[in-house]
């Protein structure tokens, strides 16, 4: 009779397999492994402290900010986040105040029409 394999070992193998196939977000790893968010974050933190993974790129949230890390195997420097100058931030803030409510598509359209982008 075979010795039973622990679920934890299978989950770690699924996480490693997903990362070997290519860059993944934490959400991708959640879907593959079936583990909880806190458990995945713990594994990612442990792999990062051992320099097994790095931030390959960033995904933008619905507001257009780089907040979602895309992890990949390797010991390379992390990909930098895109940054805005203070002038860009102030311009967008003034535009939002003029528009009254914040709609990202409306803001982008207004900035494009004014030649700011």
PDB file of N, CA and C in Angstrom:
ATOM      1  N   UNK A   1       0.830  -1.178   0.000  1.00  0.00           N
ATOM      2  CA  UNK A   1       0.000   0.000   0.000  1.00  0.00           C
ATOM      3  C   UNK A   1       0.879   1.247   0.000  1.00  0.00           C
ATOM      4  N   UNK A   2       0.493   2.230  -0.820  1.00  0.00           N
ATOM      5  CA  UNK A   2       1.269   3.460  -0.931  1.00  0.00           C
ATOM      6  C   UNK A   2       1.041   4.363   0.269  1.00  0.00           C
ATOM      7  N   UNK A   3       2.079   5.113   0.581  1.00  0.00           N
ATOM      8  CA  UNK A   3       1.965   6.090   1.648  1.00  0.00           C
ATOM      9  C   UNK A   3       1.163   7.285   1.116  1.00  0.00           C
ATOM     10  N   UNK A   4       0.171   7.780   1.854  1.00  0.00           N
ATOM     11  CA  UNK A   4      -0.630   8.898   1.356  1.00  0.00           C
ATOM     12  C   UNK A   4       0.207  10.171   1.235  1.00  0.00           C
ATOM     13  N   UNK A   5      -0.076  10.933   0.193  1.00  0.00           N
ATOM     14  CA  UNK A   5       0.611  12.198  -0.025  1.00  0.00           C
ATOM     15  C   UNK A   5      -0.202  13.289   0.646  1.00  0.00           C
ATOM     16  N   UNK A   6       0.471  14.152   1.391  1.00  0.00           N
ATOM     17  CA  UNK A   6      -0.230  15.219   2.091  1.00  0.00           C
ATOM     18  C   UNK A   6      -0.697  16.287   1.107  1.00  0.00           C
ATOM     19  N   UNK A   7      -1.827  16.873   1.430  1.00  0.00           N
ATOM     20  CA  UNK A   7      -2.402  17.911   0.576  1.00  0.00           C
ATOM     21  C   UNK A   7      -1.438  19.080   0.454  1.00  0.00           C
ATOM     22  N   UNK A   8      -0.737  19.411   1.525  1.00  0.00           N
ATOM     23  CA  UNK A   8       0.201  20.511   1.503  1.00  0.00           C
ATOM     24  C   UNK A   8       1.271  20.293   0.437  1.00  0.00           C
ATOM     25  N   UNK A   9       1.798  19.094   0.337  1.00  0.00           N
ATOM     26  CA  UNK A   9       2.827  18.785  -0.656  1.00  0.00           C
ATOM     27  C   UNK A   9       2.286  18.933  -2.077  1.00  0.00           C
ATOM     28  N   UNK A  10       1.067  18.486  -2.294  1.00  0.00           N
ATOM     29  CA  UNK A  10       0.450  18.617  -3.614  1.00  0.00           C
ATOM     30  C   UNK A  10       0.232  20.084  -3.981  1.00  0.00           C
ATOM     31  N   UNK A  11      -0.187  20.874  -3.015  1.00  0.00           N
ATOM     32  CA  UNK A  11      -0.432  22.290  -3.269  1.00  0.00           C
ATOM     33  C   UNK A  11       0.851  23.023  -3.619  1.00  0.00           C
ATOM     34  N   UNK A  12       1.924  22.734  -2.887  1.00  0.00           N
ATOM     35  CA  UNK A  12       3.213  23.361  -3.185  1.00  0.00           C
ATOM     36  C   UNK A  12       3.687  22.946  -4.575  1.00  0.00           C
ATOM     37  N   UNK A  13       3.484  21.683  -4.925  1.00  0.00           N
ATOM     38  CA  UNK A  13       3.869  21.213  -6.257  1.00  0.00           C
ATOM     39  C   UNK A  13       3.072  21.943  -7.339  1.00  0.00           C
ATOM     40  N   UNK A  14       1.787  22.197  -7.088  1.00  0.00           N
ATOM     41  CA  UNK A  14       0.961  22.924  -8.057  1.00  0.00           C
ATOM     42  C   UNK A  14       1.429  24.372  -8.202  1.00  0.00           C
ATOM     43  N   UNK A  15       1.793  24.986  -7.085  1.00  0.00           N
ATOM     44  CA  UNK A  15       2.302  26.367  -7.129  1.00  0.00           C
ATOM     45  C   UNK A  15       3.595  26.418  -7.932  1.00  0.00           C
ATOM     46  N   UNK A  16       4.516  25.511  -7.631  1.00  0.00           N
ATOM     47  CA  UNK A  16       5.799  25.471  -8.347  1.00  0.00           C
ATOM     48  C   UNK A  16       5.580  25.212  -9.838  1.00  0.00           C
ATOM     49  N   UNK A  17       4.677  24.298 -10.161  1.00  0.00           N
ATOM     50  CA  UNK A  17       4.387  23.994 -11.559  1.00  0.00           C
ATOM     51  C   UNK A  17       3.846  25.205 -12.307  1.00  0.00           C
ATOM     52  N   UNK A  18       2.957  25.958 -11.649  1.00  0.00           N
ATOM     53  CA  UNK A  18       2.401  27.155 -12.280  1.00  0.00           C
ATOM     54  C   UNK A  18       3.487  28.199 -12.518  1.00  0.00           C
ATOM     55  N   UNK A  19       4.386  28.365 -11.555  1.00  0.00           N
ATOM     56  CA  UNK A  19       5.467  29.342 -11.719  1.00  0.00           C
ATOM     57  C   UNK A  19       6.480  28.890 -12.765  1.00  0.00           C
ATOM     58  N   UNK A  20       6.694  27.581 -12.889  1.00  0.00           N
ATOM     59  CA  UNK A  20       7.610  27.080 -13.924  1.00  0.00           C
ATOM     60  C   UNK A  20       7.047  27.314 -15.318  1.00  0.00           C
ATOM     61  N   UNK A  21       5.716  27.268 -15.457  1.00  0.00           N
ATOM     62  CA  UNK A  21       5.090  27.487 -16.767  1.00  0.00           C
ATOM     63  C   UNK A  21       5.218  28.935 -17.216  1.00  0.00           C
ATOM     64  N   UNK A  22       5.280  29.863 -16.275  1.00  0.00           N
ATOM     65  CA  UNK A  22       5.411  31.274 -16.630  1.00  0.00           C
ATOM     66  C   UNK A  22       5.014  32.166 -15.473  1.00  0.00           C
ATOM     67  N   UNK A  23       5.149  33.480 -15.657  1.00  0.00           N
ATOM     68  CA  UNK A  23       4.805  34.426 -14.587  1.00  0.00           C
ATOM     69  C   UNK A  23       3.348  34.301 -14.159  1.00  0.00           C
ATOM     70  N   UNK A  24       3.114  34.460 -12.846  1.00  0.00           N
ATOM     71  CA  UNK A  24       1.773  34.322 -12.270  1.00  0.00           C
ATOM     72  C   UNK A  24       1.532  35.388 -11.219  1.00  0.00           C
ATOM     73  N   UNK A  25       0.276  35.775 -11.080  1.00  0.00           N
ATOM     74  CA  UNK A  25      -0.125  36.626  -9.967  1.00  0.00           C
ATOM     75  C   UNK A  25      -0.543  35.720  -8.809  1.00  0.00           C
ATOM     76  N   UNK A  26      -0.746  36.316  -7.647  1.00  0.00           N
ATOM     77  CA  UNK A  26      -1.220  35.542  -6.495  1.00  0.00           C
ATOM     78  C   UNK A  26      -2.593  34.952  -6.802  1.00  0.00           C
ATOM     79  N   UNK A  27      -3.421  35.684  -7.518  1.00  0.00           N
ATOM     80  CA  UNK A  27      -4.752  35.193  -7.890  1.00  0.00           C
ATOM     81  C   UNK A  27      -4.648  33.946  -8.768  1.00  0.00           C
ATOM     82  N   UNK A  28      -3.677  33.941  -9.687  1.00  0.00           N
ATOM     83  CA  UNK A  28      -3.465  32.755 -10.525  1.00  0.00           C
ATOM     84  C   UNK A  28      -3.070  31.559  -9.668  1.00  0.00           C
ATOM     85  N   UNK A  29      -2.193  31.803  -8.696  1.00  0.00           N
ATOM     86  CA  UNK A  29      -1.750  30.717  -7.815  1.00  0.00           C
ATOM     87  C   UNK A  29      -2.889  30.209  -6.938  1.00  0.00           C
ATOM     88  N   UNK A  30      -3.786  31.105  -6.551  1.00  0.00           N
ATOM     89  CA  UNK A  30      -4.973  30.691  -5.787  1.00  0.00           C
ATOM     90  C   UNK A  30      -5.816  29.714  -6.595  1.00  0.00           C
ATOM     91  N   UNK A  31      -6.028  30.051  -7.850  1.00  0.00           N
ATOM     92  CA  UNK A  31      -6.869  29.212  -8.705  1.00  0.00           C
ATOM     93  C   UNK A  31      -6.233  27.844  -8.938  1.00  0.00           C
ATOM     94  N   UNK A  32      -4.932  27.814  -9.093  1.00  0.00           N
ATOM     95  CA  UNK A  32      -4.241  26.557  -9.383  1.00  0.00           C
ATOM     96  C   UNK A  32      -4.187  25.645  -8.157  1.00  0.00           C
ATOM     97  N   UNK A  33      -3.862  26.235  -7.000  1.00  0.00           N
ATOM     98  CA  UNK A  33      -3.603  25.409  -5.818  1.00  0.00           C
ATOM     99  C   UNK A  33      -4.834  25.123  -4.969  1.00  0.00           C
ATOM    100  N   UNK A  34      -5.789  26.048  -4.954  1.00  0.00           N
ATOM    101  CA  UNK A  34      -6.957  25.866  -4.107  1.00  0.00           C
ATOM    102  C   UNK A  34      -6.709  26.243  -2.657  1.00  0.00           C
ATOM    103  N   UNK A  35      -5.569  26.869  -2.370  1.00  0.00           N
ATOM    104  CA  UNK A  35      -5.248  27.296  -1.010  1.00  0.00           C
ATOM    105  C   UNK A  35      -5.844  28.666  -0.731  1.00  0.00           C
ATOM    106  N   UNK A  36      -5.798  29.074   0.531  1.00  0.00           N
ATOM    107  CA  UNK A  36      -6.315  30.391   0.896  1.00  0.00           C
ATOM    108  C   UNK A  36      -5.315  31.479   0.518  1.00  0.00           C
ATOM    109  N   UNK A  37      -5.798  32.701   0.487  1.00  0.00           N
ATOM    110  CA  UNK A  37      -4.966  33.840   0.118  1.00  0.00           C
ATOM    111  C   UNK A  37      -3.787  34.001   1.082  1.00  0.00           C
ATOM    112  N   UNK A  38      -4.047  33.881   2.372  1.00  0.00           N
ATOM    113  CA  UNK A  38      -2.968  34.040   3.355  1.00  0.00           C
ATOM    114  C   UNK A  38      -1.916  32.942   3.221  1.00  0.00           C
ATOM    115  N   UNK A  39      -2.327  31.736   2.907  1.00  0.00           N
ATOM    116  CA  UNK A  39      -1.375  30.646   2.730  1.00  0.00           C
ATOM    117  C   UNK A  39      -0.505  30.890   1.508  1.00  0.00           C
ATOM    118  N   UNK A  40      -1.114  31.319   0.406  1.00  0.00           N
ATOM    119  CA  UNK A  40      -0.358  31.627  -0.812  1.00  0.00           C
ATOM    120  C   UNK A  40       0.628  32.753  -0.534  1.00  0.00           C
ATOM    121  N   UNK A  41       0.172  33.791   0.149  1.00  0.00           N
ATOM    122  CA  UNK A  41       1.071  34.908   0.472  1.00  0.00           C
ATOM    123  C   UNK A  41       2.250  34.433   1.316  1.00  0.00           C
ATOM    124  N   UNK A  42       1.997  33.516   2.236  1.00  0.00           N
ATOM    125  CA  UNK A  42       3.084  32.962   3.052  1.00  0.00           C
ATOM    126  C   UNK A  42       4.104  32.216   2.207  1.00  0.00           C
ATOM    127  N   UNK A  43       3.627  31.401   1.267  1.00  0.00           N
ATOM    128  CA  UNK A  43       4.540  30.679   0.376  1.00  0.00           C
ATOM    129  C   UNK A  43       5.323  31.648  -0.509  1.00  0.00           C
ATOM    130  N   UNK A  44       4.638  32.653  -1.026  1.00  0.00           N
ATOM    131  CA  UNK A  44       5.311  33.636  -1.885  1.00  0.00           C
ATOM    132  C   UNK A  44       6.378  34.381  -1.085  1.00  0.00           C
ATOM    133  N   UNK A  45       6.051  34.767   0.134  1.00  0.00           N
ATOM    134  CA  UNK A  45       7.013  35.471   0.980  1.00  0.00           C
ATOM    135  C   UNK A  45       8.220  34.585   1.286  1.00  0.00           C
ATOM    136  N   UNK A  46       7.975  33.310   1.546  1.00  0.00           N
ATOM    137  CA  UNK A  46       9.080  32.391   1.828  1.00  0.00           C
ATOM    138  C   UNK A  46       9.962  32.198   0.593  1.00  0.00           C
ATOM    139  N   UNK A  47       9.348  32.034  -0.579  1.00  0.00           N
ATOM    140  CA  UNK A  47      10.132  31.870  -1.809  1.00  0.00           C
ATOM    141  C   UNK A  47      10.902  33.140  -2.136  1.00  0.00           C
ATOM    142  N   UNK A  48      10.288  34.272  -1.829  1.00  0.00           N
ATOM    143  CA  UNK A  48      10.971  35.544  -2.084  1.00  0.00           C
ATOM    144  C   UNK A  48      12.159  35.737  -1.152  1.00  0.00           C
ATOM    145  N   UNK A  49      12.019  35.373   0.113  1.00  0.00           N
ATOM    146  CA  UNK A  49      13.132  35.522   1.053  1.00  0.00           C
ATOM    147  C   UNK A  49      14.295  34.599   0.700  1.00  0.00           C
ATOM    148  N   UNK A  50      13.994  33.476   0.051  1.00  0.00           N
ATOM    149  CA  UNK A  50      15.040  32.557  -0.413  1.00  0.00           C
ATOM    150  C   UNK A  50      15.549  32.923  -1.805  1.00  0.00           C
ATOM    151  N   UNK A  51      15.031  34.031  -2.346  1.00  0.00           N
ATOM    152  CA  UNK A  51      15.419  34.547  -3.668  1.00  0.00           C
ATOM    153  C   UNK A  51      15.161  33.543  -4.793  1.00  0.00           C
ATOM    154  N   UNK A  52      14.012  32.876  -4.695  1.00  0.00           N
ATOM    155  CA  UNK A  52      13.595  31.946  -5.744  1.00  0.00           C
ATOM    156  C   UNK A  52      12.705  32.624  -6.773  1.00  0.00           C
ATOM    157  N   UNK A  53      11.983  33.679  -6.345  1.00  0.00           N
ATOM    158  CA  UNK A  53      11.082  34.383  -7.246  1.00  0.00           C
ATOM    159  C   UNK A  53      11.336  35.883  -7.159  1.00  0.00           C
ATOM    160  N   UNK A  54      10.884  36.601  -8.174  1.00  0.00           N
ATOM    161  CA  UNK A  54      11.015  38.052  -8.221  1.00  0.00           C
ATOM    162  C   UNK A  54       9.790  38.634  -8.919  1.00  0.00           C
ATOM    163  N   UNK A  55       9.625  39.939  -8.818  1.00  0.00           N
ATOM    164  CA  UNK A  55       8.510  40.618  -9.484  1.00  0.00           C
ATOM    165  C   UNK A  55       8.916  40.832 -10.937  1.00  0.00           C
ATOM    166  N   UNK A  56       8.296  40.078 -11.831  1.00  0.00           N
ATOM    167  CA  UNK A  56       8.634  40.156 -13.256  1.00  0.00           C
ATOM    168  C   UNK A  56       7.999  41.378 -13.906  1.00  0.00           C
ATOM    169  N   UNK A  57       6.785  41.718 -13.477  1.00  0.00           N
ATOM    170  CA  UNK A  57       6.094  42.889 -14.020  1.00  0.00           C
ATOM    171  C   UNK A  57       4.978  43.275 -13.063  1.00  0.00           C
ATOM    172  N   UNK A  58       4.257  44.314 -13.421  1.00  0.00           N
ATOM    173  CA  UNK A  58       3.133  44.790 -12.620  1.00  0.00           C
ATOM    174  C   UNK A  58       1.900  44.851 -13.497  1.00  0.00           C
ATOM    175  N   UNK A  59       0.758  44.494 -12.920  1.00  0.00           N
ATOM    176  CA  UNK A  59      -0.521  44.656 -13.607  1.00  0.00           C
ATOM    177  C   UNK A  59      -1.223  45.855 -12.997  1.00  0.00           C
ATOM    178  N   UNK A  60      -1.962  46.550 -13.830  1.00  0.00           N
ATOM    179  CA  UNK A  60      -2.671  47.734 -13.359  1.00  0.00           C
ATOM    180  C   UNK A  60      -4.048  47.353 -12.821  1.00  0.00           C
ATOM    181  N   UNK A  61      -4.464  48.053 -11.769  1.00  0.00           N
ATOM    182  CA  UNK A  61      -5.804  47.851 -11.223  1.00  0.00           C
ATOM    183  C   UNK A  61      -6.786  48.670 -12.060  1.00  0.00           C
ATOM    184  N   UNK A  62      -8.036  48.691 -11.669  1.00  0.00           N
ATOM    185  CA  UNK A  62      -9.053  49.413 -12.426  1.00  0.00           C
ATOM    186  C   UNK A  62      -8.819  50.922 -12.412  1.00  0.00           C
ATOM    187  N   UNK A  63      -8.055  51.413 -11.434  1.00  0.00           N
ATOM    188  CA  UNK A  63      -7.743  52.839 -11.350  1.00  0.00           C
ATOM    189  C   UNK A  63      -6.494  53.197 -12.146  1.00  0.00           C
ATOM    190  N   UNK A  64      -5.838  52.200 -12.736  1.00  0.00           N
ATOM    191  CA  UNK A  64      -4.657  52.461 -13.548  1.00  0.00           C
ATOM    192  C   UNK A  64      -3.352  52.473 -12.780  1.00  0.00           C
ATOM    193  N   UNK A  65      -3.362  52.009 -11.530  1.00  0.00           N
ATOM    194  CA  UNK A  65      -2.150  51.992 -10.715  1.00  0.00           C
ATOM    195  C   UNK A  65      -1.509  50.608 -10.747  1.00  0.00           C
ATOM    196  N   UNK A  66      -0.184  50.579 -10.684  1.00  0.00           N
ATOM    197  CA  UNK A  66       0.548  49.312 -10.623  1.00  0.00           C
ATOM    198  C   UNK A  66       0.499  48.775  -9.197  1.00  0.00           C
ATOM    199  N   UNK A  67      -0.405  47.845  -8.926  1.00  0.00           N
ATOM    200  CA  UNK A  67      -0.480  47.300  -7.573  1.00  0.00           C
ATOM    201  C   UNK A  67      -0.450  45.768  -7.556  1.00  0.00           C
ATOM    202  N   UNK A  68      -0.626  45.129  -8.691  1.00  0.00           N
ATOM    203  CA  UNK A  68      -0.688  43.667  -8.724  1.00  0.00           C
ATOM    204  C   UNK A  68       0.650  43.135  -9.223  1.00  0.00           C
ATOM    205  N   UNK A  69       1.355  42.424  -8.344  1.00  0.00           N
ATOM    206  CA  UNK A  69       2.656  41.873  -8.707  1.00  0.00           C
ATOM    207  C   UNK A  69       2.488  40.617  -9.559  1.00  0.00           C
ATOM    208  N   UNK A  70       3.343  40.482 -10.557  1.00  0.00           N
ATOM    209  CA  UNK A  70       3.389  39.277 -11.377  1.00  0.00           C
ATOM    210  C   UNK A  70       4.722  38.600 -11.053  1.00  0.00           C
ATOM    211  N   UNK A  71       4.653  37.422 -10.445  1.00  0.00           N
ATOM    212  CA  UNK A  71       5.839  36.716  -9.955  1.00  0.00           C
ATOM    213  C   UNK A  71       6.389  35.765 -11.003  1.00  0.00           C
ATOM    214  N   UNK A  72       7.709  35.582 -10.993  1.00  0.00           N
ATOM    215  CA  UNK A  72       8.368  34.629 -11.891  1.00  0.00           C
ATOM    216  C   UNK A  72       9.562  34.023 -11.161  1.00  0.00           C
ATOM    217  N   UNK A  73       9.972  32.828 -11.582  1.00  0.00           N
ATOM    218  CA  UNK A  73      11.140  32.188 -10.994  1.00  0.00           C
ATOM    219  C   UNK A  73      12.401  32.909 -11.428  1.00  0.00           C
ATOM    220  N   UNK A  74      13.343  33.030 -10.517  1.00  0.00           N
ATOM    221  CA  UNK A  74      14.632  33.619 -10.828  1.00  0.00           C
ATOM    222  C   UNK A  74      15.087  34.543  -9.718  1.00  0.00           C
ATOM    223  N   UNK A  75      16.332  34.968  -9.822  1.00  0.00           N
ATOM    224  CA  UNK A  75      16.917  35.878  -8.842  1.00  0.00           C
ATOM    225  C   UNK A  75      17.351  37.146  -9.562  1.00  0.00           C
ATOM    226  N   UNK A  76      16.388  37.811 -10.190  1.00  0.00           N
ATOM    227  CA  UNK A  76      16.646  39.041 -10.931  1.00  0.00           C
ATOM    228  C   UNK A  76      16.118  40.221 -10.128  1.00  0.00           C
ATOM    229  N   UNK A  77      16.532  41.428 -10.482  1.00  0.00           N
ATOM    230  CA  UNK A  77      15.952  42.596  -9.806  1.00  0.00           C
ATOM    231  C   UNK A  77      14.464  42.723 -10.137  1.00  0.00           C
ATOM    232  N   UNK A  78      13.698  43.245  -9.195  1.00  0.00           N
ATOM    233  CA  UNK A  78      12.264  43.442  -9.412  1.00  0.00           C
ATOM    234  C   UNK A  78      12.017  44.477 -10.499  1.00  0.00           C
ATOM    235  N   UNK A  79      10.946  44.280 -11.219  1.00  0.00           N
ATOM    236  CA  UNK A  79      10.538  45.252 -12.242  1.00  0.00           C
ATOM    237  C   UNK A  79      10.067  46.521 -11.530  1.00  0.00           C
ATOM    238  N   UNK A  80      10.461  47.681 -12.038  1.00  0.00           N
ATOM    239  CA  UNK A  80      10.037  48.922 -11.371  1.00  0.00           C
ATOM    240  C   UNK A  80       8.577  49.233 -11.665  1.00  0.00           C
ATOM    241  N   UNK A  81       7.955  49.917 -10.731  1.00  0.00           N
ATOM    242  CA  UNK A  81       6.598  50.400 -10.948  1.00  0.00           C
ATOM    243  C   UNK A  81       6.660  51.650 -11.813  1.00  0.00           C
ATOM    244  N   UNK A  82       5.624  51.854 -12.601  1.00  0.00           N
ATOM    245  CA  UNK A  82       5.572  53.101 -13.362  1.00  0.00           C
ATOM    246  C   UNK A  82       5.173  54.215 -12.396  1.00  0.00           C
ATOM    247  N   UNK A  83       5.797  55.347 -12.556  1.00  0.00           N
ATOM    248  CA  UNK A  83       5.515  56.464 -11.655  1.00  0.00           C
ATOM    249  C   UNK A  83       5.043  57.664 -12.459  1.00  0.00           C
ATOM    250  N   UNK A  84       4.309  58.529 -11.789  1.00  0.00           N
ATOM    251  CA  UNK A  84       3.838  59.764 -12.398  1.00  0.00           C
ATOM    252  C   UNK A  84       4.579  60.923 -11.745  1.00  0.00           C
ATOM    253  N   UNK A  85       4.822  61.950 -12.520  1.00  0.00           N
ATOM    254  CA  UNK A  85       5.437  63.143 -11.951  1.00  0.00           C
ATOM    255  C   UNK A  85       4.392  63.876 -11.125  1.00  0.00           C
ATOM    256  N   UNK A  86       4.846  64.780 -10.264  1.00  0.00           N
ATOM    257  CA  UNK A  86       3.903  65.550  -9.457  1.00  0.00           C
ATOM    258  C   UNK A  86       3.009  66.403 -10.342  1.00  0.00           C
ATOM    259  N   UNK A  87       3.547  66.856 -11.463  1.00  0.00           N
ATOM    260  CA  UNK A  87       2.743  67.653 -12.391  1.00  0.00           C
ATOM    261  C   UNK A  87       1.603  66.823 -12.972  1.00  0.00           C
ATOM    262  N   UNK A  88       1.879  65.556 -13.321  1.00  0.00           N
ATOM    263  CA  UNK A  88       0.825  64.686 -13.857  1.00  0.00           C
ATOM    264  C   UNK A  88      -0.250  64.424 -12.809  1.00  0.00           C
ATOM    265  N   UNK A  89       0.171  64.175 -11.564  1.00  0.00           N
ATOM    266  CA  UNK A  89      -0.780  63.919 -10.486  1.00  0.00           C
ATOM    267  C   UNK A  89      -1.644  65.150 -10.262  1.00  0.00           C
ATOM    268  N   UNK A  90      -1.028  66.335 -10.219  1.00  0.00           N
ATOM    269  CA  UNK A  90      -1.781  67.571 -10.004  1.00  0.00           C
ATOM    270  C   UNK A  90      -2.743  67.838 -11.156  1.00  0.00           C
ATOM    271  N   UNK A  91      -2.309  67.578 -12.400  1.00  0.00           N
ATOM    272  CA  UNK A  91      -3.158  67.786 -13.579  1.00  0.00           C
ATOM    273  C   UNK A  91      -4.389  66.887 -13.511  1.00  0.00           C
ATOM    274  N   UNK A  92      -4.177  65.623 -13.156  1.00  0.00           N
ATOM    275  CA  UNK A  92      -5.306  64.695 -13.060  1.00  0.00           C
ATOM    276  C   UNK A  92      -6.234  65.067 -11.918  1.00  0.00           C
ATOM    277  N   UNK A  93      -5.682  65.560 -10.820  1.00  0.00           N
ATOM    278  CA  UNK A  93      -6.503  65.975  -9.678  1.00  0.00           C
ATOM    279  C   UNK A  93      -7.383  67.159 -10.067  1.00  0.00           C
ATOM    280  N   UNK A  94      -6.797  68.142 -10.750  1.00  0.00           N
ATOM    281  CA  UNK A  94      -7.583  69.302 -11.206  1.00  0.00           C
ATOM    282  C   UNK A  94      -8.680  68.850 -12.170  1.00  0.00           C
ATOM    283  N   UNK A  95      -8.345  67.915 -13.053  1.00  0.00           N
ATOM    284  CA  UNK A  95      -9.325  67.437 -14.025  1.00  0.00           C
ATOM    285  C   UNK A  95     -10.481  66.718 -13.315  1.00  0.00           C
ATOM    286  N   UNK A  96     -10.162  65.924 -12.300  1.00  0.00           N
ATOM    287  CA  UNK A  96     -11.216  65.223 -11.549  1.00  0.00           C
ATOM    288  C   UNK A  96     -12.138  66.213 -10.856  1.00  0.00           C
ATOM    289  N   UNK A  97     -11.544  67.269 -10.291  1.00  0.00           N
ATOM    290  CA  UNK A  97     -12.354  68.275  -9.607  1.00  0.00           C
ATOM    291  C   UNK A  97     -13.279  68.981 -10.591  1.00  0.00           C
ATOM    292  N   UNK A  98     -12.792  69.238 -11.800  1.00  0.00           N
ATOM    293  CA  UNK A  98     -13.622  69.885 -12.817  1.00  0.00           C
ATOM    294  C   UNK A  98     -14.761  68.974 -13.265  1.00  0.00           C
ATOM    295  N   UNK A  99     -14.454  67.678 -13.371  1.00  0.00           N
ATOM    296  CA  UNK A  99     -15.475  66.733 -13.828  1.00  0.00           C
ATOM    297  C   UNK A  99     -16.519  66.444 -12.764  1.00  0.00           C
ATOM    298  N   UNK A 100     -16.168  66.650 -11.495  1.00  0.00           N
ATOM    299  CA  UNK A 100     -17.114  66.412 -10.415  1.00  0.00           C
ATOM    300  C   UNK A 100     -17.030  65.000  -9.874  1.00  0.00           C
ATOM    301  N   UNK A 101     -17.259  64.004 -10.689  1.00  0.00           N
ATOM    302  CA  UNK A 101     -17.143  62.615 -10.253  1.00  0.00           C
ATOM    303  C   UNK A 101     -15.994  61.983 -11.015  1.00  0.00           C
ATOM    304  N   UNK A 102     -15.448  60.939 -10.460  1.00  0.00           N
ATOM    305  CA  UNK A 102     -14.281  60.322 -11.082  1.00  0.00           C
ATOM    306  C   UNK A 102     -14.681  59.118 -11.916  1.00  0.00           C
ATOM    307  N   UNK A 103     -14.447  59.213 -13.197  1.00  0.00           N
ATOM    308  CA  UNK A 103     -14.614  58.104 -14.125  1.00  0.00           C
ATOM    309  C   UNK A 103     -13.297  57.991 -14.889  1.00  0.00           C
ATOM    310  N   UNK A 104     -12.544  56.910 -14.728  1.00  0.00           N
ATOM    311  CA  UNK A 104     -11.231  56.800 -15.355  1.00  0.00           C
ATOM    312  C   UNK A 104     -11.259  56.997 -16.869  1.00  0.00           C
ATOM    313  N   UNK A 105     -12.281  56.490 -17.533  1.00  0.00           N
ATOM    314  CA  UNK A 105     -12.365  56.624 -18.987  1.00  0.00           C
ATOM    315  C   UNK A 105     -12.625  58.084 -19.380  1.00  0.00           C
ATOM    316  N   UNK A 106     -13.473  58.750 -18.599  1.00  0.00           N
ATOM    317  CA  UNK A 106     -13.767  60.146 -18.855  1.00  0.00           C
ATOM    318  C   UNK A 106     -12.524  61.005 -18.645  1.00  0.00           C
ATOM    319  N   UNK A 107     -11.776  60.703 -17.592  1.00  0.00           N
ATOM    320  CA  UNK A 107     -10.543  61.423 -17.305  1.00  0.00           C
ATOM    321  C   UNK A 107      -9.536  61.231 -18.431  1.00  0.00           C
ATOM    322  N   UNK A 108      -9.354  59.998 -18.871  1.00  0.00           N
ATOM    323  CA  UNK A 108      -8.407  59.717 -19.951  1.00  0.00           C
ATOM    324  C   UNK A 108      -8.819  60.441 -21.232  1.00  0.00           C
ATOM    325  N   UNK A 109     -10.108  60.408 -21.522  1.00  0.00           N
ATOM    326  CA  UNK A 109     -10.612  61.080 -22.730  1.00  0.00           C
ATOM    327  C   UNK A 109     -10.370  62.589 -22.643  1.00  0.00           C
ATOM    328  N   UNK A 110     -10.622  63.169 -21.468  1.00  0.00           N
ATOM    329  CA  UNK A 110     -10.419  64.604 -21.287  1.00  0.00           C
ATOM    330  C   UNK A 110      -8.945  64.973 -21.418  1.00  0.00           C
ATOM    331  N   UNK A 111      -8.068  64.141 -20.838  1.00  0.00           N
ATOM    332  CA  UNK A 111      -6.635  64.405 -20.934  1.00  0.00           C
ATOM    333  C   UNK A 111      -6.135  64.288 -22.377  1.00  0.00           C
ATOM    334  N   UNK A 112      -6.669  63.326 -23.106  1.00  0.00           N
ATOM    335  CA  UNK A 112      -6.273  63.147 -24.511  1.00  0.00           C
ATOM    336  C   UNK A 112      -6.750  64.347 -25.340  1.00  0.00           C
ATOM    337  N   UNK A 113      -7.978  64.784 -25.089  1.00  0.00           N
ATOM    338  CA  UNK A 113      -8.529  65.923 -25.830  1.00  0.00           C
ATOM    339  C   UNK A 113      -7.747  67.212 -25.572  1.00  0.00           C
ATOM    340  N   UNK A 114      -7.199  67.344 -24.349  1.00  0.00           N
ATOM    341  CA  UNK A 114      -6.436  68.542 -24.019  1.00  0.00           C
ATOM    342  C   UNK A 114      -4.981  68.426 -24.461  1.00  0.00           C
ATOM    343  N   UNK A 115      -4.582  67.254 -24.981  1.00  0.00           N
ATOM    344  CA  UNK A 115      -3.212  67.074 -25.431  1.00  0.00           C
ATOM    345  C   UNK A 115      -2.242  66.784 -24.302  1.00  0.00           C
ATOM    346  N   UNK A 116      -2.761  66.415 -23.135  1.00  0.00           N
ATOM    347  CA  UNK A 116      -1.894  66.140 -21.987  1.00  0.00           C
ATOM    348  C   UNK A 116      -1.248  64.760 -22.085  1.00  0.00           C
ATOM    349  N   UNK A 117      -1.870  63.885 -22.843  1.00  0.00           N
ATOM    350  CA  UNK A 117      -1.312  62.532 -23.002  1.00  0.00           C
ATOM    351  C   UNK A 117      -0.882  62.333 -24.434  1.00  0.00           C
TER     352      UNK A 117
END
